Amino acid sequence: MIEQRGTPATVLITEPFQTVVASNAAKLGAPGYHCLTVPHPIWGKDEAALRELARAIAAKALAQLTL
């Protein structure tokens, strides 16, 4: 994982992929790996909706990147 090389990282996914991320993280030796989850689907949202979503998760992303 990129954090093992000293670079902060997080994963941004939509809700249906939570299980996939958890499974892959466990296989890579990082059970409980953090990720940011947003509602599904993201496609089709207009710019205003995407900006609102970004504002809603910005603080969480910053927290995960500065652990």
Protein backbone atom coordinates (compact mmCIF):
# COMPACT_ATOMS: atom_id res chain seq x y z
CA MET A 1 0.00 0.00 0.00
CA ILE A 2 1.15 3.50 -0.70
CA GLU A 3 1.12 4.46 2.99
CA GLN A 4 3.83 1.89 3.60
CA ARG A 5 6.06 4.10 1.44
CA GLY A 6 5.23 7.18 3.52
CA THR A 7 2.56 8.74 1.29
CA PRO A 8 -0.82 9.41 2.93
CA ALA A 9 -3.73 7.95 0.97
CA THR A 10 -7.39 7.14 1.18
CA VAL A 11 -9.94 5.46 -1.05
CA LEU A 12 -13.09 7.14 -2.33
CA ILE A 13 -15.82 4.66 -3.22
CA THR A 14 -19.55 4.45 -3.62
CA GLU A 15 -21.61 2.41 -1.17
CA PRO A 16 -21.90 -0.85 -3.16
CA PHE A 17 -18.11 -1.26 -3.17
CA GLN A 18 -17.58 -1.26 0.60
CA THR A 19 -17.40 -5.05 0.74
CA VAL A 20 -14.89 -5.21 -2.12
CA VAL A 21 -12.61 -2.66 -0.44
CA ALA A 22 -12.84 -4.43 2.91
CA SER A 23 -12.07 -7.79 1.33
CA ASN A 24 -9.10 -6.50 -0.66
CA ALA A 25 -7.72 -4.59 2.31
CA ALA A 26 -7.83 -7.74 4.42
CA LYS A 27 -6.07 -9.73 1.68
CA LEU A 28 -3.36 -7.05 1.57
CA GLY A 29 -2.83 -7.24 5.31
CA ALA A 30 -4.73 -4.06 6.20
CA PRO A 31 -8.04 -5.14 7.69
CA GLY A 32 -10.16 -2.17 8.65
CA TYR A 33 -8.48 0.07 6.08
CA HIS A 34 -10.17 3.45 5.99
CA CYS A 35 -12.12 4.72 3.02
CA LEU A 36 -14.53 7.49 2.18
CA THR A 37 -17.94 6.27 1.12
CA VAL A 38 -20.38 8.33 -0.90
CA PRO A 39 -23.90 7.52 -2.09
CA HIS A 40 -24.32 5.50 -5.25
CA PRO A 41 -24.53 6.35 -8.09
CA ILE A 42 -22.29 9.35 -8.54
CA TRP A 43 -22.64 9.54 -12.30
CA GLY A 44 -25.39 11.78 -13.53
CA LYS A 45 -24.99 14.30 -10.72
CA ASP A 46 -24.67 17.89 -11.84
CA GLU A 47 -21.76 20.11 -10.85
CA ALA A 48 -23.61 21.68 -7.92
CA ALA A 49 -24.44 18.27 -6.45
CA LEU A 50 -20.85 17.10 -6.85
CA ARG A 51 -19.55 20.23 -5.15
CA GLU A 52 -21.95 19.69 -2.26
CA LEU A 53 -20.80 16.09 -1.95
CA ALA A 54 -17.14 17.17 -2.01
CA ARG A 55 -17.77 19.74 0.71
CA ALA A 56 -19.48 17.10 2.83
CA ILE A 57 -16.49 14.72 2.72
CA ALA A 58 -13.58 17.19 2.58
CA ALA A 59 -13.00 17.25 6.35
CA LYS A 60 -13.12 13.44 6.53
CA ALA A 61 -10.64 13.16 3.67
CA LEU A 62 -8.28 15.61 5.33
CA ALA A 63 -8.51 13.69 8.60
CA GLN A 64 -7.67 10.41 6.87
CA LEU A 65 -4.75 11.97 5.03
CA THR A 66 -3.24 13.53 8.14
CA LEU A 67 -3.53 10.65 10.62
